[in-house]
Amino acid sequence: MKFEKYTQTANSILKEIAEELGFPNDIDLSGRILRAVLHTLRSRLTIQESFQLMAQLPMLLKAIYVEGWKYQEKPTRIKNIGEFIREVIHEDQPLGHHDIRTVKDGENVIRTVFKVIRNHVSEGEITHIIMSMPAELRPLWGLKDKMQTASP
């Protein structure tokens, strides 16, 4: 098994996030942000939806996704963008408040990670994830269509 391929893919994704955030040389920041957003998303999804998403993630992103995961029967009830941002900051400890200083920063990092995930996961799976989320969280995915307001 050639792990270099997995490392190259992960590094490419981290670079993509860093560039989208406007800090093209800060791979550490993009790694922390990716991990924090994935863990927050994971806590919001059902176990079935998590497995469906993981099946499509590149190998090292799967490892990031499952790192420290404790199975929950029911997903965490994150109902709005403010709650999602607070959870991302919490997952990004100890640097969460340094990396995300404002609500606008929080929305930006979440939208960036979701945009990059959309580049690596099928449209159908993204649609399932979006439809499982409360309407107020759907705009974080950056898609401007009927999914933004459809009922879950």
N, C-alpha and C. Protein backbone atom coordinates (compact mmCIF):
# COMPACT_ATOMS: atom_id res chain seq x y z
N MET A 1 0.84 -1.17 0.00
CA MET A 1 0.00 0.00 0.00
C MET A 1 0.90 1.24 0.00
N LYS A 2 0.58 2.18 -0.86
CA LYS A 2 1.40 3.39 -0.98
C LYS A 2 0.72 4.55 -0.25
N PHE A 3 1.24 4.85 0.93
CA PHE A 3 0.65 5.90 1.75
C PHE A 3 0.97 7.29 1.22
N GLU A 4 1.98 7.41 0.37
CA GLU A 4 2.33 8.72 -0.19
C GLU A 4 1.15 9.31 -0.96
N LYS A 5 0.39 8.46 -1.64
CA LYS A 5 -0.77 8.92 -2.40
C LYS A 5 -1.79 9.56 -1.47
N TYR A 6 -2.04 8.93 -0.32
CA TYR A 6 -3.00 9.46 0.64
C TYR A 6 -2.49 10.78 1.23
N THR A 7 -1.21 10.84 1.50
CA THR A 7 -0.61 12.05 2.04
C THR A 7 -0.70 13.19 1.03
N GLN A 8 -0.42 12.90 -0.23
CA GLN A 8 -0.51 13.92 -1.27
C GLN A 8 -1.93 14.46 -1.39
N THR A 9 -2.91 13.58 -1.36
CA THR A 9 -4.31 14.02 -1.45
C THR A 9 -4.67 14.90 -0.26
N ALA A 10 -4.30 14.47 0.94
CA ALA A 10 -4.60 15.25 2.15
C ALA A 10 -3.91 16.61 2.10
N ASN A 11 -2.65 16.62 1.71
CA ASN A 11 -1.91 17.89 1.61
C ASN A 11 -2.54 18.82 0.58
N SER A 12 -3.01 18.25 -0.50
CA SER A 12 -3.68 19.04 -1.54
C SER A 12 -4.95 19.68 -0.99
N ILE A 13 -5.71 18.92 -0.22
CA ILE A 13 -6.94 19.44 0.38
C ILE A 13 -6.62 20.52 1.40
N LEU A 14 -5.61 20.30 2.23
CA LEU A 14 -5.20 21.31 3.20
C LEU A 14 -4.75 22.60 2.51
N LYS A 15 -4.02 22.45 1.43
CA LYS A 15 -3.56 23.61 0.65
C LYS A 15 -4.76 24.35 0.05
N GLU A 16 -5.72 23.58 -0.45
CA GLU A 16 -6.94 24.17 -1.03
C GLU A 16 -7.68 25.00 0.03
N ILE A 17 -7.79 24.47 1.23
CA ILE A 17 -8.45 25.19 2.32
C ILE A 17 -7.64 26.44 2.68
N ALA A 18 -6.34 26.29 2.83
CA ALA A 18 -5.48 27.42 3.19
C ALA A 18 -5.59 28.55 2.17
N GLU A 19 -5.60 28.20 0.89
CA GLU A 19 -5.72 29.22 -0.15
C GLU A 19 -7.09 29.89 -0.11
N GLU A 20 -8.15 29.11 0.09
CA GLU A 20 -9.50 29.67 0.18
C GLU A 20 -9.64 30.61 1.38
N LEU A 21 -8.94 30.30 2.46
CA LEU A 21 -8.98 31.14 3.66
C LEU A 21 -8.14 32.40 3.50
N GLY A 22 -7.28 32.42 2.48
CA GLY A 22 -6.43 33.59 2.27
C GLY A 22 -5.09 33.50 2.99
N PHE A 23 -4.75 32.32 3.47
CA PHE A 23 -3.47 32.08 4.15
C PHE A 23 -2.79 30.88 3.50
N PRO A 24 -2.33 31.04 2.25
CA PRO A 24 -1.87 29.88 1.47
C PRO A 24 -0.70 29.11 2.08
N ASN A 25 0.04 29.71 2.99
CA ASN A 25 1.18 29.01 3.58
C ASN A 25 0.90 28.46 4.97
N ASP A 26 -0.31 28.63 5.46
CA ASP A 26 -0.63 28.19 6.82
C ASP A 26 -1.40 26.87 6.80
N ILE A 27 -0.68 25.80 6.54
CA ILE A 27 -1.27 24.47 6.48
C ILE A 27 -1.72 24.02 7.87
N ASP A 28 -1.02 24.47 8.92
CA ASP A 28 -1.44 24.11 10.28
C ASP A 28 -2.83 24.67 10.58
N LEU A 29 -3.06 25.93 10.22
CA LEU A 29 -4.38 26.54 10.41
C LEU A 29 -5.44 25.76 9.64
N SER A 30 -5.18 25.46 8.38
CA SER A 30 -6.19 24.76 7.59
C SER A 30 -6.45 23.37 8.15
N GLY A 31 -5.44 22.72 8.70
CA GLY A 31 -5.63 21.41 9.32
C GLY A 31 -6.49 21.49 10.57
N ARG A 32 -6.23 22.50 11.40
CA ARG A 32 -7.05 22.68 12.62
C ARG A 32 -8.49 22.97 12.26
N ILE A 33 -8.67 23.86 11.28
CA ILE A 33 -10.02 24.25 10.87
C ILE A 33 -10.75 23.06 10.26
N LEU A 34 -10.10 22.31 9.39
CA LEU A 34 -10.72 21.14 8.77
C LEU A 34 -11.16 20.16 9.85
N ARG A 35 -10.29 19.86 10.77
CA ARG A 35 -10.61 18.92 11.85
C ARG A 35 -11.81 19.43 12.66
N ALA A 36 -11.78 20.69 13.07
CA ALA A 36 -12.84 21.26 13.91
C ALA A 36 -14.19 21.24 13.20
N VAL A 37 -14.20 21.60 11.92
CA VAL A 37 -15.46 21.62 11.17
C VAL A 37 -15.96 20.20 10.95
N LEU A 38 -15.08 19.28 10.58
CA LEU A 38 -15.51 17.89 10.37
C LEU A 38 -16.07 17.30 11.66
N HIS A 39 -15.42 17.56 12.79
CA HIS A 39 -15.91 17.01 14.06
C HIS A 39 -17.25 17.62 14.46
N THR A 40 -17.43 18.91 14.18
CA THR A 40 -18.71 19.54 14.49
C THR A 40 -19.80 18.99 13.58
N LEU A 41 -19.49 18.84 12.30
CA LEU A 41 -20.45 18.26 11.36
C LEU A 41 -20.80 16.84 11.79
N ARG A 42 -19.79 16.07 12.15
CA ARG A 42 -19.99 14.67 12.58
C ARG A 42 -20.95 14.59 13.76
N SER A 43 -20.82 15.52 14.70
CA SER A 43 -21.70 15.48 15.87
C SER A 43 -23.14 15.81 15.52
N ARG A 44 -23.35 16.46 14.37
CA ARG A 44 -24.69 16.87 13.94
C ARG A 44 -25.37 15.81 13.08
N LEU A 45 -24.60 14.87 12.54
CA LEU A 45 -25.14 13.86 11.63
C LEU A 45 -25.50 12.58 12.36
N THR A 46 -26.42 11.83 11.77
CA THR A 46 -26.71 10.50 12.29
C THR A 46 -25.52 9.59 11.98
N ILE A 47 -25.45 8.48 12.67
CA ILE A 47 -24.37 7.53 12.43
C ILE A 47 -24.42 7.03 10.98
N GLN A 48 -25.61 6.79 10.46
CA GLN A 48 -25.75 6.32 9.08
C GLN A 48 -25.24 7.37 8.09
N GLU A 49 -25.61 8.62 8.31
CA GLU A 49 -25.16 9.68 7.41
C GLU A 49 -23.64 9.86 7.52
N SER A 50 -23.10 9.72 8.72
CA SER A 50 -21.65 9.81 8.89
C SER A 50 -20.93 8.73 8.10
N PHE A 51 -21.45 7.50 8.16
CA PHE A 51 -20.82 6.41 7.41
C PHE A 51 -20.90 6.65 5.91
N GLN A 52 -22.03 7.18 5.45
CA GLN A 52 -22.17 7.47 4.02
C GLN A 52 -21.20 8.56 3.58
N LEU A 53 -21.02 9.58 4.41
CA LEU A 53 -20.05 10.63 4.09
C LEU A 53 -18.64 10.06 4.12
N MET A 54 -18.30 9.33 5.18
CA MET A 54 -16.95 8.77 5.29
C MET A 54 -16.57 7.89 4.11
N ALA A 55 -17.54 7.17 3.58
CA ALA A 55 -17.27 6.27 2.45
C ALA A 55 -16.71 7.04 1.26
N GLN A 56 -17.01 8.34 1.18
CA GLN A 56 -16.56 9.13 0.03
C GLN A 56 -15.38 10.04 0.33
N LEU A 57 -15.02 10.18 1.61
CA LEU A 57 -13.90 11.04 1.95
C LEU A 57 -12.57 10.38 1.57
N PRO A 58 -11.60 11.18 1.17
CA PRO A 58 -10.25 10.63 0.96
C PRO A 58 -9.75 9.99 2.26
N MET A 59 -8.85 9.02 2.14
CA MET A 59 -8.40 8.19 3.26
C MET A 59 -8.00 8.98 4.51
N LEU A 60 -7.14 9.96 4.40
CA LEU A 60 -6.70 10.67 5.59
C LEU A 60 -7.77 11.58 6.17
N LEU A 61 -8.71 12.02 5.35
CA LEU A 61 -9.83 12.79 5.89
C LEU A 61 -10.76 11.87 6.69
N LYS A 62 -10.83 10.61 6.29
CA LYS A 62 -11.59 9.64 7.09
C LYS A 62 -10.97 9.53 8.47
N ALA A 63 -9.65 9.47 8.52
CA ALA A 63 -8.95 9.36 9.80
C ALA A 63 -9.21 10.59 10.66
N ILE A 64 -9.18 11.77 10.06
CA ILE A 64 -9.47 13.00 10.80
C ILE A 64 -10.90 12.97 11.30
N TYR A 65 -11.80 12.53 10.45
CA TYR A 65 -13.23 12.49 10.79
C TYR A 65 -13.49 11.62 12.02
N VAL A 66 -12.85 10.45 12.08
CA VAL A 66 -13.14 9.51 13.17
C VAL A 66 -12.28 9.71 14.41
N GLU A 67 -11.26 10.53 14.33
CA GLU A 67 -10.38 10.76 15.47
C GLU A 67 -11.20 11.19 16.70
N GLY A 68 -11.08 10.44 17.77
CA GLY A 68 -11.75 10.77 19.03
C GLY A 68 -13.26 10.62 19.03
N TRP A 69 -13.80 9.97 18.03
CA TRP A 69 -15.26 9.87 17.89
C TRP A 69 -15.84 8.95 18.95
N LYS A 70 -16.86 9.44 19.63
CA LYS A 70 -17.62 8.64 20.58
C LYS A 70 -19.04 8.54 20.03
N TYR A 71 -19.46 7.35 19.77
CA TYR A 71 -20.77 7.10 19.18
C TYR A 71 -21.88 7.69 20.04
N GLN A 72 -22.80 8.39 19.37
CA GLN A 72 -23.99 8.93 20.03
C GLN A 72 -25.22 8.41 19.31
N GLU A 73 -26.20 7.99 20.08
CA GLU A 73 -27.43 7.47 19.49
C GLU A 73 -28.15 8.55 18.67
N LYS A 74 -28.17 9.77 19.20
CA LYS A 74 -28.83 10.87 18.51
C LYS A 74 -27.81 11.97 18.24
N PRO A 75 -27.92 12.63 17.08
CA PRO A 75 -27.00 13.73 16.78
C PRO A 75 -27.20 14.91 17.74
N THR A 76 -26.15 15.69 17.91
CA THR A 76 -26.23 16.91 18.69
C THR A 76 -27.18 17.87 18.00
N ARG A 77 -28.00 18.54 18.78
CA ARG A 77 -28.96 19.49 18.22
C ARG A 77 -28.31 20.85 18.06
N ILE A 78 -27.69 21.06 16.93
CA ILE A 78 -27.14 22.36 16.58
C ILE A 78 -28.15 22.97 15.63
N LYS A 79 -28.84 24.02 16.08
CA LYS A 79 -29.98 24.54 15.33
C LYS A 79 -29.68 25.77 14.50
N ASN A 80 -28.59 26.49 14.85
CA ASN A 80 -28.33 27.72 14.11
C ASN A 80 -26.84 27.92 13.90
N ILE A 81 -26.53 28.91 13.10
CA ILE A 81 -25.13 29.16 12.71
C ILE A 81 -24.28 29.52 13.93
N GLY A 82 -24.82 30.31 14.84
CA GLY A 82 -24.06 30.68 16.04
C GLY A 82 -23.65 29.46 16.86
N GLU A 83 -24.58 28.52 17.03
CA GLU A 83 -24.26 27.29 17.76
C GLU A 83 -23.21 26.47 17.02
N PHE A 84 -23.31 26.41 15.69
CA PHE A 84 -22.34 25.65 14.91
C PHE A 84 -20.95 26.27 15.06
N ILE A 85 -20.88 27.60 14.99
CA ILE A 85 -19.60 28.29 15.14
C ILE A 85 -19.01 28.04 16.53
N ARG A 86 -19.84 28.11 17.56
CA ARG A 86 -19.35 27.85 18.93
C ARG A 86 -18.77 26.43 19.04
N GLU A 87 -19.44 25.47 18.42
CA GLU A 87 -18.93 24.10 18.45
C GLU A 87 -17.60 23.96 17.69
N VAL A 88 -17.48 24.65 16.56
CA VAL A 88 -16.22 24.63 15.81
C VAL A 88 -15.10 25.21 16.66
N ILE A 89 -15.37 26.35 17.32
CA ILE A 89 -14.35 26.96 18.20
C ILE A 89 -13.97 25.99 19.30
N HIS A 90 -14.95 25.33 19.90
CA HIS A 90 -14.68 24.35 20.95
C HIS A 90 -13.82 23.19 20.43
N GLU A 91 -14.12 22.70 19.24
CA GLU A 91 -13.35 21.59 18.65
C GLU A 91 -11.93 22.02 18.27
N ASP A 92 -11.72 23.32 18.07
CA ASP A 92 -10.42 23.85 17.65
C ASP A 92 -9.57 24.27 18.86
N GLN A 93 -9.84 23.70 20.02
CA GLN A 93 -9.07 24.06 21.21
C GLN A 93 -7.64 23.56 21.09
N PRO A 94 -6.67 24.29 21.59
CA PRO A 94 -6.79 25.50 22.40
C PRO A 94 -6.77 26.81 21.60
N LEU A 95 -6.75 26.73 20.28
CA LEU A 95 -6.59 27.94 19.47
C LEU A 95 -7.88 28.45 18.84
N GLY A 96 -9.01 27.86 19.20
CA GLY A 96 -10.27 28.21 18.57
C GLY A 96 -10.59 29.69 18.56
N HIS A 97 -10.42 30.35 19.70
CA HIS A 97 -10.74 31.78 19.76
C HIS A 97 -9.70 32.64 19.06
N HIS A 98 -8.53 32.09 18.85
CA HIS A 98 -7.51 32.80 18.07
C HIS A 98 -7.79 32.65 16.57
N ASP A 99 -8.16 31.44 16.16
CA ASP A 99 -8.42 31.17 14.74
C ASP A 99 -9.73 31.79 14.28
N ILE A 100 -10.71 31.84 15.16
CA ILE A 100 -12.05 32.35 14.82
C ILE A 100 -12.40 33.43 15.84
N ARG A 101 -12.25 34.67 15.42
CA ARG A 101 -12.45 35.79 16.34
C ARG A 101 -13.83 36.41 16.26
N THR A 102 -14.49 36.25 15.12
CA THR A 102 -15.80 36.87 14.93
C THR A 102 -16.76 35.85 14.30
N VAL A 103 -18.04 36.18 14.32
CA VAL A 103 -19.03 35.34 13.66
C VAL A 103 -18.71 35.24 12.17
N LYS A 104 -18.30 36.36 11.58
CA LYS A 104 -17.94 36.36 10.16
C LYS A 104 -16.77 35.41 9.90
N ASP A 105 -15.76 35.42 10.77
CA ASP A 105 -14.64 34.46 10.64
C ASP A 105 -15.16 33.03 10.70
N GLY A 106 -16.06 32.79 11.66
CA GLY A 106 -16.61 31.44 11.82
C GLY A 106 -17.36 30.98 10.59
N GLU A 107 -18.21 31.84 10.07
CA GLU A 107 -18.96 31.49 8.86
C GLU A 107 -18.00 31.24 7.70
N ASN A 108 -16.97 32.06 7.59
CA ASN A 108 -16.00 31.93 6.50
C ASN A 108 -15.27 30.59 6.55
N VAL A 109 -14.79 30.19 7.72
CA VAL A 109 -14.04 28.94 7.79
C VAL A 109 -14.94 27.74 7.53
N ILE A 110 -16.17 27.79 8.04
CA ILE A 110 -17.10 26.68 7.83
C ILE A 110 -17.46 26.58 6.35
N ARG A 111 -17.81 27.71 5.74
CA ARG A 111 -18.14 27.71 4.31
C ARG A 111 -16.97 27.20 3.47
N THR A 112 -15.76 27.59 3.86
CA THR A 112 -14.57 27.16 3.12
C THR A 112 -14.40 25.65 3.18
N VAL A 113 -14.50 25.08 4.37
CA VAL A 113 -14.35 23.63 4.51
C VAL A 113 -15.47 22.91 3.76
N PHE A 114 -16.70 23.39 3.89
CA PHE A 114 -17.80 22.75 3.18
C PHE A 114 -17.61 22.85 1.67
N LYS A 115 -17.10 23.96 1.19
CA LYS A 115 -16.84 24.11 -0.25
C LYS A 115 -15.82 23.08 -0.72
N VAL A 116 -14.77 22.90 0.04
CA VAL A 116 -13.74 21.93 -0.33
C VAL A 116 -14.29 20.51 -0.24
N ILE A 117 -15.08 20.22 0.78
CA ILE A 117 -15.69 18.89 0.89
C ILE A 117 -16.56 18.62 -0.34
N ARG A 118 -17.31 19.64 -0.78
CA ARG A 118 -18.16 19.47 -1.96
C ARG A 118 -17.35 19.07 -3.19
N ASN A 119 -16.08 19.46 -3.24
CA ASN A 119 -15.21 19.10 -4.36
C ASN A 119 -14.78 17.63 -4.33
N HIS A 120 -14.98 16.96 -3.19
CA HIS A 120 -14.47 15.60 -3.03
C HIS A 120 -15.54 14.57 -2.69
N VAL A 121 -16.80 15.02 -2.58
CA VAL A 121 -17.90 14.14 -2.22
C VAL A 121 -19.00 14.34 -3.26
N SER A 122 -19.73 13.27 -3.56
CA SER A 122 -20.76 13.35 -4.60
C SER A 122 -21.85 14.37 -4.24
N GLU A 123 -22.45 14.91 -5.27
CA GLU A 123 -23.54 15.86 -5.09
C GLU A 123 -24.71 15.23 -4.34
N GLY A 124 -24.99 13.97 -4.61
CA GLY A 124 -26.07 13.28 -3.93
C GLY A 124 -25.84 13.19 -2.44
N GLU A 125 -24.63 12.88 -2.03
CA GLU A 125 -24.32 12.78 -0.60
C GLU A 125 -24.39 14.16 0.05
N ILE A 126 -23.89 15.18 -0.62
CA ILE A 126 -23.98 16.54 -0.08
C ILE A 126 -25.45 16.92 0.09
N THR A 127 -26.29 16.57 -0.88
CA THR A 127 -27.72 16.86 -0.78
C THR A 127 -28.32 16.17 0.44
N HIS A 128 -27.97 14.91 0.69
CA HIS A 128 -28.48 14.19 1.86
C HIS A 128 -28.07 14.90 3.15
N ILE A 129 -26.82 15.32 3.22
CA ILE A 129 -26.33 16.00 4.42
C ILE A 129 -27.08 17.31 4.63
N ILE A 130 -27.18 18.09 3.57
CA ILE A 130 -27.85 19.38 3.68
C ILE A 130 -29.30 19.20 4.11
N MET A 131 -29.98 18.24 3.52
CA MET A 131 -31.39 18.03 3.84
C MET A 131 -31.59 17.52 5.27
N SER A 132 -30.55 16.95 5.87
CA SER A 132 -30.66 16.47 7.24
C SER A 132 -30.43 17.59 8.26
N MET A 133 -30.02 18.75 7.77
CA MET A 133 -29.69 19.86 8.66
C MET A 133 -30.85 20.85 8.77
N PRO A 134 -30.92 21.57 9.89
CA PRO A 134 -31.93 22.62 10.00
C PRO A 134 -31.73 23.67 8.90
N ALA A 135 -32.82 24.28 8.47
CA ALA A 135 -32.77 25.25 7.37
C ALA A 135 -31.77 26.37 7.63
N GLU A 136 -31.62 26.78 8.87
CA GLU A 136 -30.70 27.89 9.16
C GLU A 136 -29.24 27.52 8.92
N LEU A 137 -28.90 26.23 8.98
CA LEU A 137 -27.51 25.81 8.76
C LEU A 137 -27.18 25.58 7.28
N ARG A 138 -28.18 25.38 6.47
CA ARG A 138 -27.96 25.03 5.06
C ARG A 138 -27.17 26.06 4.27
N PRO A 139 -27.34 27.37 4.53
CA PRO A 139 -26.55 28.35 3.76
C PRO A 139 -25.03 28.20 3.96
N LEU A 140 -24.61 27.55 5.04
CA LEU A 140 -23.17 27.35 5.26
C LEU A 140 -22.54 26.52 4.13
N TRP A 141 -23.36 25.76 3.41
CA TRP A 141 -22.85 24.93 2.32
C TRP A 141 -22.62 25.75 1.05
N GLY A 142 -23.09 26.99 1.02
CA GLY A 142 -22.82 27.87 -0.11
C GLY A 142 -23.57 27.53 -1.37
N LEU A 143 -24.65 26.81 -1.26
CA LEU A 143 -25.45 26.45 -2.42
C LEU A 143 -26.69 27.32 -2.45
N LYS A 144 -26.98 27.88 -3.59
CA LYS A 144 -28.12 28.80 -3.71
C LYS A 144 -29.22 28.15 -4.53
N ASP A 145 -29.97 27.27 -3.91
CA ASP A 145 -31.09 26.64 -4.62
C ASP A 145 -32.16 26.24 -3.63
N LYS A 146 -33.05 25.40 -4.05
CA LYS A 146 -34.20 25.02 -3.22
C LYS A 146 -33.83 24.31 -1.94
N MET A 147 -32.64 23.75 -1.84
CA MET A 147 -32.25 23.04 -0.62
C MET A 147 -32.12 24.01 0.54
N GLN A 148 -31.91 25.27 0.28
CA GLN A 148 -31.72 26.23 1.36
C GLN A 148 -32.97 26.35 2.23
N THR A 149 -34.15 26.21 1.63
CA THR A 149 -35.37 26.44 2.39
C THR A 149 -36.27 25.21 2.50
N ALA A 150 -35.93 24.12 1.85
CA ALA A 150 -36.76 22.90 1.90
C ALA A 150 -36.79 22.36 3.32
N SER A 151 -37.89 21.71 3.68
CA SER A 151 -38.01 21.13 5.02
C SER A 151 -37.17 19.86 5.11
N PRO A 152 -36.58 19.62 6.31
CA PRO A 152 -35.77 18.39 6.48
C PRO A 152 -36.64 17.15 6.53
